[in-house]
């Protein structure tokens, strides 16, 4: 286990250009990240391609054992990693935030290691025997986001490594330190060259997505960037797993208990201060309980402390970057100017340092308002009235995205009927955004394609091969 300062020193640039990364809560420097180039990317891909055959030859058991040791290494450095993550991304140490994220890294590594994937006998009739196997792809490119930089990187790299691939990681330019530190820790238990971080700009990401030696791209981020990756991957017919924009809807049925569901609604919407792809971003509430839900949700939200992530009392933090802050502020102001009713928040302190935007609830907002139709990706939730379930389902399905959705009801059977009508990759009942390493996860419509997690996630990082005879 390294100290926090030793961890920062280990990932600092040893030569060439460096870039200072600011703390979004204070604006003060967190550390210096290397600025890698396309030439650095070429060297990383060459090293990965050289290391991959021996790694693949080890077999599933040996690779799984290495991943389990890597999970132990993460746990040994958990507090140092969480502190760095909190300072760079902004999320608090406590609540479902930095310590939670580091713990999830270890959990997903272990899940990828122990999930069985045996050859499947598809035909065995006495005359023909056919088995379906999954072989390594080769070198996988993993392009990650800034909202859950460590956890989502592990979502990408853990199944890739388990399936016998090498991985080249391209982190967000906003949060490179967290990913550099995580990979530094993982590499204590992995062969040299197998897993590399290339901390560069857009040119590096574009070169990775189009590189002929990369067999698959894993990407989590915006739909616009996902479309660009699809285009750049076409010439080499790369395999793709894309988790793109969300704008998830939640529907509260008229039989729901407002007080009982209020805290679940809050965390569904405001986990990671709303900066989550599969967060609840549009809440549809039946007119019969609309005012009661607004009241109960406001009471819960008002009690949740927001502040510097290193403050043990905080459970909400700043937005990670000014660009996202401006998006949230613009959407809330437009909703207010349209006549919507701000129940809580919407009044940032201009003198407060950092990118803090207060927890904001907006009621009586039109379903066509930009706060509803555009993904805010921050701590502002629009609450829309509806009169019939048909109306709610129509509004929920109206957008061209469908990562997740949720239905809230005292009657689970009725909730499942509504869930079946929603166009989303996952529909949760009486919760929102609860991911599990055993359960497949992926989007519908323009929220991407391909599945992560569980057996299906492992299969997505292999090349299917039928052995017939």
Protein backbone atom coordinates (compact mmCIF):
# COMPACT_ATOMS: atom_id res chain seq x y z
CA UNK A 1 0.00 0.00 0.00
CA UNK A 2 1.30 3.43 -0.96
CA UNK A 3 0.64 6.70 0.80
CA UNK A 4 -1.53 9.27 -0.95
CA UNK A 5 1.50 11.40 -1.84
CA UNK A 6 3.41 8.37 -3.13
CA UNK A 7 0.43 7.42 -5.29
CA UNK A 8 0.34 10.91 -6.84
CA UNK A 9 4.07 10.82 -7.40
CA UNK A 10 3.85 7.42 -9.10
CA UNK A 11 1.43 8.70 -11.75
CA UNK A 12 3.03 12.11 -12.31
CA UNK A 13 4.72 12.67 -15.68
CA UNK A 14 8.38 11.70 -15.66
CA UNK A 15 9.11 13.47 -18.91
CA UNK A 16 7.36 15.65 -21.44
CA UNK A 17 4.37 17.87 -20.92
CA UNK A 18 2.18 17.78 -17.82
CA UNK A 19 -1.25 19.22 -17.12
CA UNK A 20 -2.46 20.46 -13.73
CA UNK A 21 -5.86 19.04 -12.74
CA UNK A 22 -8.02 21.32 -10.54
CA UNK A 23 -10.27 20.36 -7.64
CA UNK A 24 -13.86 21.19 -8.72
CA UNK A 25 -14.75 22.11 -5.14
CA UNK A 26 -11.99 24.67 -4.66
CA UNK A 27 -10.20 25.27 -7.94
CA UNK A 28 -6.91 24.34 -6.25
CA UNK A 29 -4.49 21.91 -7.93
CA UNK A 30 -4.96 18.20 -7.24
CA UNK A 31 -2.00 16.87 -9.19
CA UNK A 32 -0.25 16.82 -12.54
CA UNK A 33 -1.29 14.39 -15.26
CA UNK A 34 0.86 13.40 -18.21
CA UNK A 35 -0.23 14.59 -21.63
CA UNK A 36 0.27 11.57 -23.84
CA UNK A 37 0.45 11.77 -27.60
CA UNK A 38 -0.59 9.56 -30.50
CA UNK A 39 2.99 8.27 -30.50
CA UNK A 40 2.54 7.21 -26.87
CA UNK A 41 -0.67 5.47 -27.91
CA UNK A 42 1.19 3.56 -30.62
CA UNK A 43 3.73 2.35 -28.07
CA UNK A 44 0.97 1.29 -25.66
CA UNK A 45 -0.86 -0.65 -28.36
CA UNK A 46 2.36 -2.37 -29.44
CA UNK A 47 3.11 -3.38 -25.84
CA UNK A 48 -0.45 -4.63 -25.37
CA UNK A 49 -0.31 -6.68 -28.56
CA UNK A 50 2.97 -8.23 -27.42
CA UNK A 51 1.67 -9.10 -23.93
CA UNK A 52 -1.75 -10.41 -24.98
CA UNK A 53 -0.91 -13.89 -26.40
CA UNK A 54 0.81 -15.09 -23.21
CA UNK A 55 -2.05 -13.70 -21.11
CA UNK A 56 -4.61 -15.50 -23.27
CA UNK A 57 -2.63 -18.73 -23.01
CA UNK A 58 -2.89 -18.71 -19.22
CA UNK A 59 -6.55 -19.76 -19.39
CA UNK A 60 -9.57 -18.59 -17.44
CA UNK A 61 -8.50 -19.91 -14.02
CA UNK A 62 -5.14 -18.17 -13.96
CA UNK A 63 -6.54 -14.94 -15.35
CA UNK A 64 -9.33 -14.99 -12.78
CA UNK A 65 -6.81 -15.51 -9.99
CA UNK A 66 -4.89 -12.44 -11.18
CA UNK A 67 -8.07 -10.37 -11.20
CA UNK A 68 -8.84 -11.46 -7.64
CA UNK A 69 -5.35 -10.36 -6.59
CA UNK A 70 -5.93 -7.06 -8.39
CA UNK A 71 -9.15 -6.59 -6.38
CA UNK A 72 -7.14 -7.16 -3.19
CA UNK A 73 -4.67 -4.50 -4.33
CA UNK A 74 -7.50 -2.02 -4.84
CA UNK A 75 -8.74 -2.70 -1.32
CA UNK A 76 -5.27 -2.20 0.13
CA UNK A 77 -5.15 1.29 -1.41
CA UNK A 78 -8.87 2.01 -1.09
CA UNK A 79 -8.67 5.09 1.12
CA UNK A 80 -5.92 6.72 -0.94
CA UNK A 81 -7.82 6.04 -4.18
CA UNK A 82 -11.07 7.39 -2.69
CA UNK A 83 -9.38 10.58 -1.50
CA UNK A 84 -7.87 11.20 -4.94
CA UNK A 85 -11.19 10.48 -6.62
CA UNK A 86 -13.00 12.87 -4.28
CA UNK A 87 -10.55 15.68 -4.94
CA UNK A 88 -10.46 15.24 -8.72
CA UNK A 89 -14.08 14.34 -9.51
CA UNK A 90 -15.67 16.24 -6.63
CA UNK A 91 -17.83 13.48 -5.18
CA UNK A 92 -17.84 13.18 -1.39
CA UNK A 93 -16.05 10.39 0.40
CA UNK A 94 -19.27 9.25 2.05
CA UNK A 95 -22.69 8.23 0.77
CA UNK A 96 -22.88 6.42 -2.57
CA UNK A 97 -19.80 8.29 -3.72
CA UNK A 98 -15.99 7.97 -3.61
CA UNK A 99 -15.52 5.15 -1.10
CA UNK A 100 -18.52 3.43 -2.64
CA UNK A 101 -16.98 3.74 -6.12
CA UNK A 102 -13.64 2.29 -5.07
CA UNK A 103 -15.47 -0.57 -3.36
CA UNK A 104 -17.41 -1.15 -6.57
CA UNK A 105 -14.11 -1.47 -8.46
CA UNK A 106 -13.10 -4.38 -6.26
CA UNK A 107 -16.58 -5.92 -6.47
CA UNK A 108 -16.71 -5.80 -10.28
CA UNK A 109 -13.19 -7.23 -10.56
CA UNK A 110 -14.22 -10.15 -8.39
CA UNK A 111 -17.48 -10.65 -10.28
CA UNK A 112 -15.67 -10.74 -13.61
CA UNK A 113 -13.22 -13.25 -12.15
CA UNK A 114 -15.75 -15.71 -10.71
CA UNK A 115 -18.59 -15.59 -13.26
CA UNK A 116 -18.54 -18.97 -15.04
CA UNK A 117 -18.46 -19.11 -18.83
CA UNK A 118 -18.38 -22.69 -20.07
CA UNK A 119 -18.57 -23.82 -23.70
CA UNK A 120 -22.19 -24.23 -24.74
CA UNK A 121 -23.28 -27.39 -26.51
CA UNK A 122 -25.81 -26.19 -29.08
CA UNK A 123 -26.38 -29.48 -30.90
CA UNK A 124 -25.55 -33.05 -29.83
CA UNK A 125 -27.95 -35.44 -31.56
CA UNK A 126 -25.66 -38.40 -32.10
CA UNK A 127 -24.67 -37.31 -35.58
CA UNK A 128 -23.68 -33.70 -35.11
CA UNK A 129 -21.99 -32.07 -32.15
CA UNK A 130 -21.53 -28.30 -32.12
CA UNK A 131 -20.09 -26.23 -29.30
CA UNK A 132 -20.04 -22.46 -28.91
CA UNK A 133 -16.83 -21.04 -27.45
CA UNK A 134 -15.61 -17.47 -26.87
CA UNK A 135 -12.03 -16.68 -27.86
CA UNK A 136 -10.04 -13.52 -27.02
CA UNK A 137 -10.48 -10.52 -29.31
CA UNK A 138 -6.91 -9.27 -28.90
CA UNK A 139 -6.44 -5.65 -27.83
CA UNK A 140 -9.45 -3.73 -26.47
CA UNK A 141 -9.69 0.05 -26.32
CA UNK A 142 -11.54 1.42 -23.27
CA UNK A 143 -12.69 5.05 -23.42
CA UNK A 144 -14.18 6.24 -20.14
CA UNK A 145 -16.15 9.18 -18.72
CA UNK A 146 -15.54 11.69 -15.94
CA UNK A 147 -18.57 10.97 -13.75
CA UNK A 148 -17.60 7.50 -12.42
CA UNK A 149 -14.06 7.36 -13.81
CA UNK A 150 -12.71 4.46 -11.76
CA UNK A 151 -15.79 2.27 -11.61
CA UNK A 152 -16.70 2.49 -15.29
CA UNK A 153 -13.08 1.86 -16.27
CA UNK A 154 -13.26 -1.38 -14.29
CA UNK A 155 -16.58 -2.23 -15.96
CA UNK A 156 -14.64 -2.09 -19.21
CA UNK A 157 -11.29 -3.61 -18.36
CA UNK A 158 -12.26 -6.40 -15.94
CA UNK A 159 -14.27 -8.54 -18.40
CA UNK A 160 -11.81 -7.72 -21.19
CA UNK A 161 -8.90 -9.06 -19.15
CA UNK A 162 -10.85 -12.07 -17.91
CA UNK A 163 -11.56 -13.06 -21.52
CA UNK A 164 -7.87 -13.00 -22.42
CA UNK A 165 -7.54 -9.55 -23.98
CA UNK A 166 -5.07 -6.74 -23.39
CA UNK A 167 -6.50 -3.27 -22.71
CA UNK A 168 -5.50 0.30 -23.58
CA UNK A 169 -7.45 2.83 -21.51
CA UNK A 170 -8.20 6.41 -22.57
CA UNK A 171 -9.60 8.36 -19.57
CA UNK A 172 -11.56 11.59 -19.72
CA UNK A 173 -9.39 14.70 -19.84
CA UNK A 174 -11.30 15.93 -16.78
CA UNK A 175 -10.41 12.96 -14.53
CA UNK A 176 -7.17 11.32 -15.69
CA UNK A 177 -5.53 11.11 -12.26
CA UNK A 178 -8.13 8.75 -10.81
CA UNK A 179 -7.76 6.32 -13.71
CA UNK A 180 -3.98 6.55 -13.78
CA UNK A 181 -3.87 5.76 -10.07
CA UNK A 182 -6.32 2.89 -10.36
CA UNK A 183 -4.39 1.26 -13.21
CA UNK A 184 -1.11 1.81 -11.33
CA UNK A 185 -2.57 -0.21 -8.45
CA UNK A 186 -4.00 -2.92 -10.71
CA UNK A 187 -0.70 -3.32 -12.51
CA UNK A 188 0.91 -4.47 -9.28
CA UNK A 189 -0.78 -7.79 -10.03
CA UNK A 190 -0.79 -7.88 -13.85
CA UNK A 191 1.86 -8.64 -16.49
CA UNK A 192 3.78 -5.68 -17.88
CA UNK A 193 2.24 -4.05 -20.95
CA UNK A 194 -1.10 -5.81 -20.62
CA UNK A 195 -2.99 -2.80 -19.21
CA UNK A 196 -1.96 0.75 -20.10
CA UNK A 197 -3.44 4.23 -19.65
CA UNK A 198 -2.93 6.81 -22.37
CA UNK A 199 -3.86 10.17 -20.87
CA UNK A 200 -4.24 12.34 -23.93
CA UNK A 201 -6.64 14.60 -25.74
CA UNK A 202 -9.30 14.11 -28.38
CA UNK A 203 -6.69 13.22 -31.00
CA UNK A 204 -5.62 10.24 -28.91
CA UNK A 205 -9.22 9.08 -28.50
CA UNK A 206 -9.86 9.36 -32.23
CA UNK A 207 -6.67 7.45 -33.04
CA UNK A 208 -7.61 4.70 -30.57
CA UNK A 209 -11.11 4.35 -32.01
CA UNK A 210 -9.82 3.94 -35.55
CA UNK A 211 -6.62 2.00 -34.91
CA UNK A 212 -6.36 -1.21 -36.96
CA UNK A 213 -4.76 -3.16 -34.08
CA UNK A 214 -7.71 -2.50 -31.76
CA UNK A 215 -10.33 -5.25 -32.05
CA UNK A 216 -13.02 -3.70 -29.87
CA UNK A 217 -13.93 -0.34 -28.37
CA UNK A 218 -15.74 -0.01 -25.05
CA UNK A 219 -17.13 3.50 -24.65
CA UNK A 220 -19.24 5.26 -22.05
CA UNK A 221 -20.20 8.87 -22.77
CA UNK A 222 -22.34 11.11 -24.91
CA UNK A 223 -24.45 9.92 -27.83
CA UNK A 224 -22.68 12.42 -30.12
CA UNK A 225 -19.26 10.99 -29.29
CA UNK A 226 -20.62 7.47 -29.60
CA UNK A 227 -21.79 8.21 -33.14
CA UNK A 228 -18.33 9.52 -34.00
CA UNK A 229 -16.77 6.32 -32.67
CA UNK A 230 -19.15 4.22 -34.76
CA UNK A 231 -18.02 6.08 -37.87
CA UNK A 232 -14.31 5.91 -37.07
CA UNK A 233 -14.53 2.18 -36.28
CA UNK A 234 -16.26 1.26 -39.53
CA UNK A 235 -13.20 0.84 -41.76
CA UNK A 236 -11.75 -1.84 -39.47
CA UNK A 237 -15.15 -3.38 -38.56
CA UNK A 238 -14.47 -3.10 -34.84
CA UNK A 239 -16.74 -4.66 -32.28
CA UNK A 240 -18.38 -2.00 -30.10
CA UNK A 241 -20.08 -1.74 -26.72
CA UNK A 242 -21.56 1.74 -26.30
CA UNK A 243 -23.26 3.12 -23.20
CA UNK A 244 -24.48 6.53 -24.29
CA UNK A 245 -26.76 9.34 -23.06
CA UNK A 246 -29.69 8.57 -20.79
CA UNK A 247 -32.38 11.04 -19.64
CA UNK A 248 -34.16 8.27 -17.76
CA UNK A 249 -37.85 8.55 -16.90
CA UNK A 250 -39.52 7.46 -13.68
CA UNK A 251 -43.28 6.94 -13.37
CA UNK A 252 -45.01 7.13 -9.98
CA UNK A 253 -48.34 5.28 -10.08
CA UNK A 254 -51.29 6.65 -8.08
CA UNK A 255 -51.16 3.90 -5.45
CA UNK A 256 -47.60 4.70 -4.36
CA UNK A 257 -46.89 5.95 -0.83
CA UNK A 258 -45.17 9.35 -1.26
CA UNK A 259 -43.35 9.21 2.05
CA UNK A 260 -42.16 5.63 1.54
CA UNK A 261 -40.66 6.29 -1.88
CA UNK A 262 -39.22 9.78 -1.34
CA UNK A 263 -35.71 8.76 -0.33
CA UNK A 264 -35.51 6.20 -3.14
CA UNK A 265 -36.60 8.84 -5.63
CA UNK A 266 -33.99 11.23 -4.27
CA UNK A 267 -31.06 8.86 -4.63
CA UNK A 268 -32.32 7.64 -7.98
CA UNK A 269 -32.06 11.21 -9.23
CA UNK A 270 -29.23 12.72 -7.21
CA UNK A 271 -26.64 9.97 -6.78
CA UNK A 272 -23.25 11.48 -7.65
CA UNK A 273 -24.99 14.88 -7.58
CA UNK A 274 -27.06 13.84 -10.60
CA UNK A 275 -23.98 13.09 -12.74
CA UNK A 276 -24.91 9.53 -13.64
CA UNK A 277 -25.94 8.16 -17.04
CA UNK A 278 -28.68 5.98 -15.58
CA UNK A 279 -29.95 8.51 -13.03
CA UNK A 280 -33.62 9.43 -12.80
CA UNK A 281 -33.83 12.64 -14.83
CA UNK A 282 -37.57 13.01 -15.55
CA UNK A 283 -40.15 12.21 -12.88
CA UNK A 284 -43.79 11.65 -13.90
CA UNK A 285 -46.24 11.69 -10.98
CA UNK A 286 -49.98 11.01 -11.06
CA UNK A 287 -52.09 14.04 -10.30
CA UNK A 288 -53.75 12.33 -7.30
CA UNK A 289 -50.49 12.26 -5.33
CA UNK A 290 -48.47 14.91 -7.16
CA UNK A 291 -48.43 17.51 -4.38
CA UNK A 292 -47.67 14.91 -1.72
CA UNK A 293 -44.73 13.49 -3.69
CA UNK A 294 -43.38 17.00 -4.25
CA UNK A 295 -43.64 17.75 -0.54
CA UNK A 296 -41.99 14.54 0.63
CA UNK A 297 -39.22 14.67 -1.95
CA UNK A 298 -38.48 18.29 -1.11
CA UNK A 299 -38.16 17.39 2.58
CA UNK A 300 -35.66 14.63 1.84
CA UNK A 301 -33.65 16.74 -0.61
CA UNK A 302 -33.45 19.73 1.71
CA UNK A 303 -31.84 17.58 4.41
CA UNK A 304 -28.99 16.27 2.25
CA UNK A 305 -25.73 18.17 2.94
CA UNK A 306 -23.70 19.42 -0.02
CA UNK A 307 -20.09 20.49 0.35
CA UNK A 308 -16.42 19.72 -0.21
CA UNK A 309 -15.99 16.02 -0.86
CA UNK A 310 -13.33 15.63 1.83
CA UNK A 311 -15.82 16.83 4.46
CA UNK A 312 -17.10 13.63 6.06
CA UNK A 313 -20.55 15.21 6.49
CA UNK A 314 -21.11 15.83 2.76
CA UNK A 315 -23.14 13.46 0.61
CA UNK A 316 -23.48 15.78 -2.41
CA UNK A 317 -20.61 17.62 -4.06
CA UNK A 318 -19.86 20.08 -6.84
CA UNK A 319 -20.40 19.47 -10.51
CA UNK A 320 -17.19 18.13 -11.95
CA UNK A 321 -16.57 20.92 -14.44
CA UNK A 322 -17.80 24.40 -15.33
CA UNK A 323 -19.21 23.27 -18.65
CA UNK A 324 -21.64 20.94 -16.89
CA UNK A 325 -22.49 23.60 -14.31
CA UNK A 326 -23.45 26.00 -17.09
CA UNK A 327 -25.68 23.38 -18.74
CA UNK A 328 -27.60 22.80 -15.51
CA UNK A 329 -27.92 26.51 -14.74
CA UNK A 330 -29.16 27.31 -18.25
CA UNK A 331 -31.81 24.57 -18.18
CA UNK A 332 -33.10 25.53 -14.73
CA UNK A 333 -33.28 29.21 -15.65
CA UNK A 334 -35.20 28.39 -18.84
CA UNK A 335 -37.69 26.29 -16.84
CA UNK A 336 -38.19 29.06 -14.31
CA UNK A 337 -38.70 31.66 -17.04
CA UNK A 338 -41.31 29.40 -18.66
CA UNK A 339 -43.43 29.53 -15.50
CA UNK A 340 -42.35 26.32 -13.81
CA UNK A 341 -42.33 26.30 -10.01
CA UNK A 342 -38.96 25.89 -8.27
CA UNK A 343 -39.59 23.91 -5.08
CA UNK A 344 -35.99 23.87 -3.90
CA UNK A 345 -32.67 25.28 -5.06
CA UNK A 346 -32.13 27.01 -8.38
CA UNK A 347 -30.21 29.77 -6.58
CA UNK A 348 -26.44 29.14 -6.73
CA UNK A 349 -24.21 31.39 -4.67
CA UNK A 350 -22.07 33.38 -7.13
CA UNK A 351 -19.42 33.96 -4.46
CA UNK A 352 -18.97 30.30 -3.55
CA UNK A 353 -15.77 28.77 -4.93
CA UNK A 354 -16.03 25.65 -7.02
CA UNK A 355 -18.78 24.33 -9.26
CA UNK A 356 -21.50 23.94 -6.64
CA UNK A 357 -25.07 24.00 -7.94
CA UNK A 358 -27.72 23.50 -5.23
CA UNK A 359 -30.06 20.53 -5.18
CA UNK A 360 -32.97 21.71 -7.33
CA UNK A 361 -36.53 20.41 -7.74
CA UNK A 362 -38.75 21.96 -10.42
CA UNK A 363 -42.51 21.30 -10.42
CA UNK A 364 -45.35 22.13 -12.81
CA UNK A 365 -42.98 21.99 -15.77
CA UNK A 366 -44.21 21.28 -19.28
CA UNK A 367 -43.10 17.98 -20.77
CA UNK A 368 -41.63 19.80 -23.78
CA UNK A 369 -39.47 22.07 -21.64
CA UNK A 370 -35.72 21.74 -22.30
CA UNK A 371 -35.17 20.72 -18.66
CA UNK A 372 -37.23 17.61 -19.50
CA UNK A 373 -36.17 16.90 -23.08
CA UNK A 374 -32.43 17.57 -22.70
CA UNK A 375 -30.27 15.52 -20.34
CA UNK A 376 -29.29 17.88 -17.52
CA UNK A 377 -26.71 15.54 -15.94
CA UNK A 378 -26.69 17.41 -12.68
CA UNK A 379 -28.64 18.14 -9.47
CA UNK A 380 -31.90 19.38 -11.03
CA UNK A 381 -35.01 17.22 -11.35
CA UNK A 382 -38.16 18.18 -13.29
CA UNK A 383 -41.43 16.75 -11.89
CA UNK A 384 -44.23 16.42 -14.43
CA UNK A 385 -47.93 15.80 -13.74
CA UNK A 386 -49.90 13.17 -15.60
CA UNK A 387 -53.51 12.08 -15.56
CA UNK A 388 -53.50 8.54 -17.01
CA UNK A 389 -50.89 5.82 -17.18
CA UNK A 390 -51.16 5.82 -20.96
CA UNK A 391 -50.22 9.50 -20.94
CA UNK A 392 -47.22 8.86 -18.66
CA UNK A 393 -45.95 5.98 -20.80
CA UNK A 394 -46.28 8.06 -23.96
CA UNK A 395 -44.30 10.93 -22.42
CA UNK A 396 -41.65 8.59 -21.01
CA UNK A 397 -41.13 6.93 -24.41
CA UNK A 398 -41.16 10.16 -26.43
CA UNK A 399 -37.39 10.76 -26.46
CA UNK A 400 -34.82 9.02 -28.63
CA UNK A 401 -32.91 7.64 -25.64
CA UNK A 402 -33.66 4.69 -23.39
CA UNK A 403 -30.90 3.67 -21.00
CA UNK A 404 -33.04 3.08 -17.90
CA UNK A 405 -36.47 3.80 -16.47
CA UNK A 406 -38.38 3.05 -13.28
CA UNK A 407 -41.92 2.46 -12.04
CA UNK A 408 -42.96 3.23 -8.46
CA UNK A 409 -46.01 1.50 -7.01
CA UNK A 410 -47.36 -0.43 -4.02
CA UNK A 411 -48.46 -3.14 -6.47
CA UNK A 412 -45.41 -4.88 -7.96
CA UNK A 413 -47.49 -6.80 -10.51
CA UNK A 414 -49.06 -3.61 -11.83
CA UNK A 415 -45.66 -1.93 -11.91
CA UNK A 416 -44.28 -4.78 -14.05
CA UNK A 417 -47.12 -4.33 -16.53
CA UNK A 418 -46.16 -0.68 -16.94
CA UNK A 419 -42.48 -1.59 -17.10
CA UNK A 420 -43.14 -3.86 -20.07
CA UNK A 421 -44.40 -0.83 -22.02
CA UNK A 422 -41.32 1.32 -21.45
CA UNK A 423 -38.60 1.58 -24.08
CA UNK A 424 -35.48 1.24 -21.95
CA UNK A 425 -32.66 -1.24 -21.50
CA UNK A 426 -33.42 -1.64 -17.80
CA UNK A 427 -36.63 -0.86 -15.92
CA UNK A 428 -36.37 -0.86 -12.13
CA UNK A 429 -39.33 -1.32 -9.78
CA UNK A 430 -39.39 1.00 -6.73
CA UNK A 431 -35.74 1.92 -7.24
CA UNK A 432 -33.67 3.53 -9.97
CA UNK A 433 -30.14 3.04 -11.24
CA UNK A 434 -29.30 0.01 -9.09
CA UNK A 435 -26.69 -1.86 -11.12
CA UNK A 436 -25.40 -5.30 -10.19
CA UNK A 437 -22.32 -7.06 -11.61
CA UNK A 438 -24.38 -10.23 -12.13
CA UNK A 439 -27.16 -8.56 -14.12
CA UNK A 440 -26.74 -7.47 -17.78
CA UNK A 441 -26.91 -3.74 -18.40
CA UNK A 442 -27.23 -1.82 -21.66
CA UNK A 443 -29.30 0.77 -23.47
CA UNK A 444 -32.11 0.95 -26.02
CA UNK A 445 -32.60 3.43 -28.87
CA UNK A 446 -29.80 6.02 -28.99
CA UNK A 447 -28.56 5.13 -25.52
CA UNK A 448 -26.22 2.66 -27.16
CA UNK A 449 -25.94 -1.04 -27.78
CA UNK A 450 -24.21 -4.07 -26.35
CA UNK A 451 -24.46 -5.51 -22.85
CA UNK A 452 -22.14 -5.25 -19.87
CA UNK A 453 -21.95 -7.35 -16.67
CA UNK A 454 -22.56 -11.00 -15.95
CA UNK A 455 -22.23 -13.78 -18.49
CA UNK A 456 -23.47 -11.56 -21.32
CA UNK A 457 -20.82 -8.99 -20.49
CA UNK A 458 -18.07 -11.61 -20.70
CA UNK A 459 -19.38 -12.86 -24.03
CA UNK A 460 -19.26 -9.30 -25.38
CA UNK A 461 -15.48 -9.29 -24.85
CA UNK A 462 -14.91 -12.48 -26.82
CA UNK A 463 -15.16 -13.66 -30.39
CA UNK A 464 -17.79 -16.40 -30.71
CA UNK A 465 -16.44 -19.53 -32.34
CA UNK A 466 -18.47 -22.62 -33.19
CA UNK A 467 -16.61 -25.90 -33.13
CA UNK A 468 -18.64 -28.26 -35.31
CA UNK A 469 -17.76 -31.92 -35.39
